[in-house]
Amino acid sequence: MDKKTCMLERFSNFGIGIVLLLIGILFGIISFAFMPVIGLFIAIPVFLLGVAFLGAGRSKACTLITERTRKITTF
């Protein structure tokens, strides 16, 4: 694993989180109009999953790589 892979991991987690948040909000809006109970059973977990992806931490390998490269580049 290298530093470029770690950056891609961070961007993919952020991108997936944003998409899931938007889908959750969309399902929430639709659920109030068409199917209130069933729609909320879909909207709430998708919204929470989006929040989980946005708050996801780095993998252990990426944390080690970042710490190692930070020590090398710091003077």
PDB file of N, CA and C in Angstrom:
ATOM      1  N   MET A   1       0.831  -1.171   0.000  1.00  0.00           N
ATOM      2  CA  MET A   1       0.000   0.000   0.000  1.00  0.00           C
ATOM      3  C   MET A   1       0.883   1.244   0.000  1.00  0.00           C
ATOM      4  N   ASP A   2       0.499   2.242  -0.768  1.00  0.00           N
ATOM      5  CA  ASP A   2       1.275   3.464  -0.807  1.00  0.00           C
ATOM      6  C   ASP A   2       0.378   4.659  -0.470  1.00  0.00           C
ATOM      7  N   LYS A   3       0.964   5.831  -0.461  1.00  0.00           N
ATOM      8  CA  LYS A   3       0.241   7.030  -0.047  1.00  0.00           C
ATOM      9  C   LYS A   3      -0.883   7.372  -1.023  1.00  0.00           C
ATOM     10  N   LYS A   4      -0.682   7.087  -2.312  1.00  0.00           N
ATOM     11  CA  LYS A   4      -1.709   7.371  -3.306  1.00  0.00           C
ATOM     12  C   LYS A   4      -2.952   6.514  -3.067  1.00  0.00           C
ATOM     13  N   THR A   5      -2.756   5.262  -2.698  1.00  0.00           N
ATOM     14  CA  THR A   5      -3.875   4.378  -2.403  1.00  0.00           C
ATOM     15  C   THR A   5      -4.650   4.871  -1.186  1.00  0.00           C
ATOM     16  N   CYS A   6      -3.944   5.396  -0.210  1.00  0.00           N
ATOM     17  CA  CYS A   6      -4.598   5.933   0.986  1.00  0.00           C
ATOM     18  C   CYS A   6      -5.453   7.156   0.652  1.00  0.00           C
ATOM     19  N   MET A   7      -4.978   7.995  -0.241  1.00  0.00           N
ATOM     20  CA  MET A   7      -5.770   9.154  -0.652  1.00  0.00           C
ATOM     21  C   MET A   7      -7.027   8.713  -1.393  1.00  0.00           C
ATOM     22  N   LEU A   8      -6.899   7.694  -2.253  1.00  0.00           N
ATOM     23  CA  LEU A   8      -8.060   7.178  -2.959  1.00  0.00           C
ATOM     24  C   LEU A   8      -9.065   6.576  -1.989  1.00  0.00           C
ATOM     25  N   GLU A   9      -8.577   5.934  -0.931  1.00  0.00           N
ATOM     26  CA  GLU A   9      -9.463   5.371   0.083  1.00  0.00           C
ATOM     27  C   GLU A   9     -10.258   6.482   0.767  1.00  0.00           C
ATOM     28  N   ARG A  10      -9.596   7.564   1.092  1.00  0.00           N
ATOM     29  CA  ARG A  10     -10.262   8.685   1.761  1.00  0.00           C
ATOM     30  C   ARG A  10     -11.318   9.309   0.849  1.00  0.00           C
ATOM     31  N   PHE A  11     -10.969   9.531  -0.433  1.00  0.00           N
ATOM     32  CA  PHE A  11     -11.912  10.124  -1.374  1.00  0.00           C
ATOM     33  C   PHE A  11     -13.091   9.200  -1.645  1.00  0.00           C
ATOM     34  N   SER A  12     -12.853   7.904  -1.723  1.00  0.00           N
ATOM     35  CA  SER A  12     -13.959   6.981  -1.982  1.00  0.00           C
ATOM     36  C   SER A  12     -14.904   6.923  -0.796  1.00  0.00           C
ATOM     37  N   ASN A  13     -14.384   6.918   0.431  1.00  0.00           N
ATOM     38  CA  ASN A  13     -15.256   6.945   1.602  1.00  0.00           C
ATOM     39  C   ASN A  13     -16.093   8.224   1.625  1.00  0.00           C
ATOM     40  N   PHE A  14     -15.484   9.351   1.309  1.00  0.00           N
ATOM     41  CA  PHE A  14     -16.203  10.617   1.298  1.00  0.00           C
ATOM     42  C   PHE A  14     -17.268  10.629   0.203  1.00  0.00           C
ATOM     43  N   GLY A  15     -16.906  10.164  -0.977  1.00  0.00           N
ATOM     44  CA  GLY A  15     -17.849  10.143  -2.105  1.00  0.00           C
ATOM     45  C   GLY A  15     -19.036   9.232  -1.851  1.00  0.00           C
ATOM     46  N   ILE A  16     -18.773   8.045  -1.343  1.00  0.00           N
ATOM     47  CA  ILE A  16     -19.850   7.110  -1.037  1.00  0.00           C
ATOM     48  C   ILE A  16     -20.735   7.684   0.063  1.00  0.00           C
ATOM     49  N   GLY A  17     -20.141   8.320   1.059  1.00  0.00           N
ATOM     50  CA  GLY A  17     -20.910   8.925   2.141  1.00  0.00           C
ATOM     51  C   GLY A  17     -21.848  10.013   1.643  1.00  0.00           C
ATOM     52  N   ILE A  18     -21.354  10.878   0.770  1.00  0.00           N
ATOM     53  CA  ILE A  18     -22.180  11.957   0.227  1.00  0.00           C
ATOM     54  C   ILE A  18     -23.327  11.393  -0.601  1.00  0.00           C
ATOM     55  N   VAL A  19     -23.040  10.399  -1.440  1.00  0.00           N
ATOM     56  CA  VAL A  19     -24.085   9.797  -2.271  1.00  0.00           C
ATOM     57  C   VAL A  19     -25.157   9.146  -1.396  1.00  0.00           C
ATOM     58  N   LEU A  20     -24.741   8.408  -0.365  1.00  0.00           N
ATOM     59  CA  LEU A  20     -25.715   7.762   0.509  1.00  0.00           C
ATOM     60  C   LEU A  20     -26.531   8.780   1.301  1.00  0.00           C
ATOM     61  N   LEU A  21     -25.904   9.869   1.723  1.00  0.00           N
ATOM     62  CA  LEU A  21     -26.663  10.926   2.398  1.00  0.00           C
ATOM     63  C   LEU A  21     -27.729  11.522   1.477  1.00  0.00           C
ATOM     64  N   LEU A  22     -27.359  11.779   0.244  1.00  0.00           N
ATOM     65  CA  LEU A  22     -28.321  12.341  -0.703  1.00  0.00           C
ATOM     66  C   LEU A  22     -29.459  11.362  -0.982  1.00  0.00           C
ATOM     67  N   ILE A  23     -29.137  10.085  -1.131  1.00  0.00           N
ATOM     68  CA  ILE A  23     -30.171   9.077  -1.353  1.00  0.00           C
ATOM     69  C   ILE A  23     -31.078   8.969  -0.130  1.00  0.00           C
ATOM     70  N   GLY A  24     -30.490   9.002   1.069  1.00  0.00           N
ATOM     71  CA  GLY A  24     -31.290   8.960   2.286  1.00  0.00           C
ATOM     72  C   GLY A  24     -32.233  10.140   2.405  1.00  0.00           C
ATOM     73  N   ILE A  25     -31.738  11.332   2.075  1.00  0.00           N
ATOM     74  CA  ILE A  25     -32.590  12.522   2.114  1.00  0.00           C
ATOM     75  C   ILE A  25     -33.691  12.426   1.071  1.00  0.00           C
ATOM     76  N   LEU A  26     -33.349  11.949  -0.123  1.00  0.00           N
ATOM     77  CA  LEU A  26     -34.334  11.788  -1.190  1.00  0.00           C
ATOM     78  C   LEU A  26     -35.412  10.786  -0.787  1.00  0.00           C
ATOM     79  N   PHE A  27     -35.009   9.640  -0.238  1.00  0.00           N
ATOM     80  CA  PHE A  27     -35.989   8.666   0.238  1.00  0.00           C
ATOM     81  C   PHE A  27     -36.843   9.238   1.359  1.00  0.00           C
ATOM     82  N   GLY A  28     -36.247  10.051   2.223  1.00  0.00           N
ATOM     83  CA  GLY A  28     -37.000  10.678   3.299  1.00  0.00           C
ATOM     84  C   GLY A  28     -38.077  11.604   2.776  1.00  0.00           C
ATOM     85  N   ILE A  29     -37.745  12.397   1.781  1.00  0.00           N
ATOM     86  CA  ILE A  29     -38.719  13.315   1.187  1.00  0.00           C
ATOM     87  C   ILE A  29     -39.823  12.541   0.473  1.00  0.00           C
ATOM     88  N   ILE A  30     -39.420  11.526  -0.287  1.00  0.00           N
ATOM     89  CA  ILE A  30     -40.409  10.716  -1.006  1.00  0.00           C
ATOM     90  C   ILE A  30     -41.298   9.950  -0.036  1.00  0.00           C
ATOM     91  N   SER A  31     -40.724   9.498   1.067  1.00  0.00           N
ATOM     92  CA  SER A  31     -41.507   8.697   2.006  1.00  0.00           C
ATOM     93  C   SER A  31     -42.628   9.506   2.644  1.00  0.00           C
ATOM     94  N   PHE A  32     -42.427  10.784   2.873  1.00  0.00           N
ATOM     95  CA  PHE A  32     -43.497  11.596   3.451  1.00  0.00           C
ATOM     96  C   PHE A  32     -44.639  11.797   2.461  1.00  0.00           C
ATOM     97  N   ALA A  33     -44.348  11.749   1.179  1.00  0.00           N
ATOM     98  CA  ALA A  33     -45.372  11.992   0.181  1.00  0.00           C
ATOM     99  C   ALA A  33     -46.135  10.721  -0.217  1.00  0.00           C
ATOM    100  N   PHE A  34     -45.435   9.596  -0.353  1.00  0.00           N
ATOM    101  CA  PHE A  34     -46.080   8.426  -0.928  1.00  0.00           C
ATOM    102  C   PHE A  34     -46.290   7.280   0.054  1.00  0.00           C
ATOM    103  N   MET A  35     -45.257   6.865   0.727  1.00  0.00           N
ATOM    104  CA  MET A  35     -45.371   5.713   1.619  1.00  0.00           C
ATOM    105  C   MET A  35     -44.644   6.011   2.924  1.00  0.00           C
ATOM    106  N   PRO A  36     -45.326   6.634   3.868  1.00  0.00           N
ATOM    107  CA  PRO A  36     -44.656   7.152   5.069  1.00  0.00           C
ATOM    108  C   PRO A  36     -43.933   6.110   5.911  1.00  0.00           C
ATOM    109  N   VAL A  37     -44.528   4.984   6.167  1.00  0.00           N
ATOM    110  CA  VAL A  37     -43.910   4.031   7.084  1.00  0.00           C
ATOM    111  C   VAL A  37     -42.810   3.238   6.387  1.00  0.00           C
ATOM    112  N   ILE A  38     -43.111   2.692   5.248  1.00  0.00           N
ATOM    113  CA  ILE A  38     -42.132   1.863   4.531  1.00  0.00           C
ATOM    114  C   ILE A  38     -40.953   2.711   4.054  1.00  0.00           C
ATOM    115  N   GLY A  39     -41.224   3.916   3.591  1.00  0.00           N
ATOM    116  CA  GLY A  39     -40.160   4.795   3.113  1.00  0.00           C
ATOM    117  C   GLY A  39     -39.174   5.175   4.196  1.00  0.00           C
ATOM    118  N   LEU A  40     -39.669   5.390   5.407  1.00  0.00           N
ATOM    119  CA  LEU A  40     -38.770   5.737   6.505  1.00  0.00           C
ATOM    120  C   LEU A  40     -37.921   4.548   6.929  1.00  0.00           C
ATOM    121  N   PHE A  41     -38.456   3.338   6.787  1.00  0.00           N
ATOM    122  CA  PHE A  41     -37.652   2.154   7.092  1.00  0.00           C
ATOM    123  C   PHE A  41     -36.484   2.004   6.114  1.00  0.00           C
ATOM    124  N   ILE A  42     -36.612   2.590   4.944  1.00  0.00           N
ATOM    125  CA  ILE A  42     -35.523   2.569   3.969  1.00  0.00           C
ATOM    126  C   ILE A  42     -34.629   3.802   4.138  1.00  0.00           C
ATOM    127  N   ALA A  43     -35.252   4.952   4.361  1.00  0.00           N
ATOM    128  CA  ALA A  43     -34.506   6.220   4.392  1.00  0.00           C
ATOM    129  C   ALA A  43     -33.576   6.331   5.591  1.00  0.00           C
ATOM    130  N   ILE A  44     -34.037   5.955   6.752  1.00  0.00           N
ATOM    131  CA  ILE A  44     -33.226   6.133   7.962  1.00  0.00           C
ATOM    132  C   ILE A  44     -31.947   5.301   7.933  1.00  0.00           C
ATOM    133  N   PRO A  45     -31.995   3.995   7.591  1.00  0.00           N
ATOM    134  CA  PRO A  45     -30.726   3.245   7.536  1.00  0.00           C
ATOM    135  C   PRO A  45     -29.753   3.746   6.465  1.00  0.00           C
ATOM    136  N   VAL A  46     -30.288   4.161   5.316  1.00  0.00           N
ATOM    137  CA  VAL A  46     -29.405   4.677   4.259  1.00  0.00           C
ATOM    138  C   VAL A  46     -28.749   5.972   4.717  1.00  0.00           C
ATOM    139  N   PHE A  47     -29.502   6.839   5.367  1.00  0.00           N
ATOM    140  CA  PHE A  47     -28.949   8.090   5.882  1.00  0.00           C
ATOM    141  C   PHE A  47     -27.870   7.816   6.931  1.00  0.00           C
ATOM    142  N   LEU A  48     -28.133   6.901   7.852  1.00  0.00           N
ATOM    143  CA  LEU A  48     -27.149   6.561   8.885  1.00  0.00           C
ATOM    144  C   LEU A  48     -25.904   5.906   8.289  1.00  0.00           C
ATOM    145  N   LEU A  49     -26.088   5.119   7.242  1.00  0.00           N
ATOM    146  CA  LEU A  49     -24.939   4.517   6.573  1.00  0.00           C
ATOM    147  C   LEU A  49     -24.072   5.585   5.911  1.00  0.00           C
ATOM    148  N   GLY A  50     -24.713   6.608   5.344  1.00  0.00           N
ATOM    149  CA  GLY A  50     -23.964   7.725   4.767  1.00  0.00           C
ATOM    150  C   GLY A  50     -23.150   8.466   5.812  1.00  0.00           C
ATOM    151  N   VAL A  51     -23.747   8.676   6.981  1.00  0.00           N
ATOM    152  CA  VAL A  51     -23.028   9.336   8.076  1.00  0.00           C
ATOM    153  C   VAL A  51     -21.854   8.466   8.528  1.00  0.00           C
ATOM    154  N   ALA A  52     -22.070   7.152   8.572  1.00  0.00           N
ATOM    155  CA  ALA A  52     -20.991   6.245   8.976  1.00  0.00           C
ATOM    156  C   ALA A  52     -19.823   6.298   7.994  1.00  0.00           C
ATOM    157  N   PHE A  53     -20.114   6.383   6.705  1.00  0.00           N
ATOM    158  CA  PHE A  53     -19.033   6.472   5.718  1.00  0.00           C
ATOM    159  C   PHE A  53     -18.298   7.802   5.835  1.00  0.00           C
ATOM    160  N   LEU A  54     -19.008   8.874   6.119  1.00  0.00           N
ATOM    161  CA  LEU A  54     -18.334  10.165   6.274  1.00  0.00           C
ATOM    162  C   LEU A  54     -17.443  10.189   7.505  1.00  0.00           C
ATOM    163  N   GLY A  55     -17.847   9.483   8.543  1.00  0.00           N
ATOM    164  CA  GLY A  55     -17.063   9.463   9.772  1.00  0.00           C
ATOM    165  C   GLY A  55     -16.086   8.310   9.865  1.00  0.00           C
ATOM    166  N   ALA A  56     -15.975   7.530   8.792  1.00  0.00           N
ATOM    167  CA  ALA A  56     -15.091   6.364   8.819  1.00  0.00           C
ATOM    168  C   ALA A  56     -13.637   6.788   8.949  1.00  0.00           C
ATOM    169  N   GLY A  57     -12.934   6.111   9.815  1.00  0.00           N
ATOM    170  CA  GLY A  57     -11.521   6.401  10.007  1.00  0.00           C
ATOM    171  C   GLY A  57     -10.674   5.729   8.936  1.00  0.00           C
ATOM    172  N   ARG A  58      -9.432   6.030   8.970  1.00  0.00           N
ATOM    173  CA  ARG A  58      -8.503   5.405   8.031  1.00  0.00           C
ATOM    174  C   ARG A  58      -8.221   3.980   8.450  1.00  0.00           C
ATOM    175  N   SER A  59      -7.786   3.200   7.494  1.00  0.00           N
ATOM    176  CA  SER A  59      -7.365   1.847   7.832  1.00  0.00           C
ATOM    177  C   SER A  59      -6.038   1.916   8.596  1.00  0.00           C
ATOM    178  N   LYS A  60      -5.697   0.841   9.254  1.00  0.00           N
ATOM    179  CA  LYS A  60      -4.463   0.831  10.049  1.00  0.00           C
ATOM    180  C   LYS A  60      -3.233   1.007   9.164  1.00  0.00           C
ATOM    181  N   ALA A  61      -3.276   0.413   7.975  1.00  0.00           N
ATOM    182  CA  ALA A  61      -2.132   0.537   7.067  1.00  0.00           C
ATOM    183  C   ALA A  61      -1.934   1.989   6.642  1.00  0.00           C
ATOM    184  N   CYS A  62      -3.021   2.676   6.327  1.00  0.00           N
ATOM    185  CA  CYS A  62      -2.897   4.074   5.911  1.00  0.00           C
ATOM    186  C   CYS A  62      -2.445   4.963   7.060  1.00  0.00           C
ATOM    187  N   THR A  63      -2.878   4.657   8.264  1.00  0.00           N
ATOM    188  CA  THR A  63      -2.426   5.428   9.420  1.00  0.00           C
ATOM    189  C   THR A  63      -0.919   5.275   9.604  1.00  0.00           C
ATOM    190  N   LEU A  64      -0.421   4.059   9.455  1.00  0.00           N
ATOM    191  CA  LEU A  64       1.021   3.830   9.593  1.00  0.00           C
ATOM    192  C   LEU A  64       1.811   4.525   8.494  1.00  0.00           C
ATOM    193  N   ILE A  65       1.312   4.456   7.272  1.00  0.00           N
ATOM    194  CA  ILE A  65       2.007   5.099   6.149  1.00  0.00           C
ATOM    195  C   ILE A  65       2.042   6.613   6.347  1.00  0.00           C
ATOM    196  N   THR A  66       0.932   7.198   6.776  1.00  0.00           N
ATOM    197  CA  THR A  66       0.871   8.641   6.978  1.00  0.00           C
ATOM    198  C   THR A  66       1.824   9.080   8.084  1.00  0.00           C
ATOM    199  N   GLU A  67       1.851   8.336   9.174  1.00  0.00           N
ATOM    200  CA  GLU A  67       2.757   8.692  10.273  1.00  0.00           C
ATOM    201  C   GLU A  67       4.213   8.561   9.841  1.00  0.00           C
ATOM    202  N   ARG A  68       4.520   7.525   9.090  1.00  0.00           N
ATOM    203  CA  ARG A  68       5.902   7.303   8.652  1.00  0.00           C
ATOM    204  C   ARG A  68       6.351   8.390   7.685  1.00  0.00           C
ATOM    205  N   THR A  69       5.486   8.764   6.742  1.00  0.00           N
ATOM    206  CA  THR A  69       5.874   9.786   5.760  1.00  0.00           C
ATOM    207  C   THR A  69       5.885  11.176   6.391  1.00  0.00           C
ATOM    208  N   ARG A  70       5.068  11.398   7.404  1.00  0.00           N
ATOM    209  CA  ARG A  70       5.073  12.707   8.073  1.00  0.00           C
ATOM    210  C   ARG A  70       6.395  12.909   8.794  1.00  0.00           C
ATOM    211  N   LYS A  71       6.944  11.871   9.397  1.00  0.00           N
ATOM    212  CA  LYS A  71       8.222  11.988  10.090  1.00  0.00           C
ATOM    213  C   LYS A  71       9.368  12.225   9.109  1.00  0.00           C
ATOM    214  N   ILE A  72       9.250  11.681   7.927  1.00  0.00           N
ATOM    215  CA  ILE A  72      10.313  11.837   6.932  1.00  0.00           C
ATOM    216  C   ILE A  72      10.317  13.263   6.378  1.00  0.00           C
ATOM    217  N   THR A  73       9.114  13.813   6.096  1.00  0.00           N
ATOM    218  CA  THR A  73       9.056  15.123   5.456  1.00  0.00           C
ATOM    219  C   THR A  73       9.145  16.286   6.434  1.00  0.00           C
ATOM    220  N   THR A  74       8.987  16.043   7.717  1.00  0.00           N
ATOM    221  CA  THR A  74       9.077  17.127   8.708  1.00  0.00           C
ATOM    222  C   THR A  74      10.540  17.383   9.056  1.00  0.00           C
ATOM    223  N   PHE A  75      10.910  18.653   9.072  1.00  0.00           N
ATOM    224  CA  PHE A  75      12.288  19.004   9.372  1.00  0.00           C
ATOM    225  C   PHE A  75      12.443  19.425  10.795  1.00  0.00           C
TER     226      PHE A  75
END
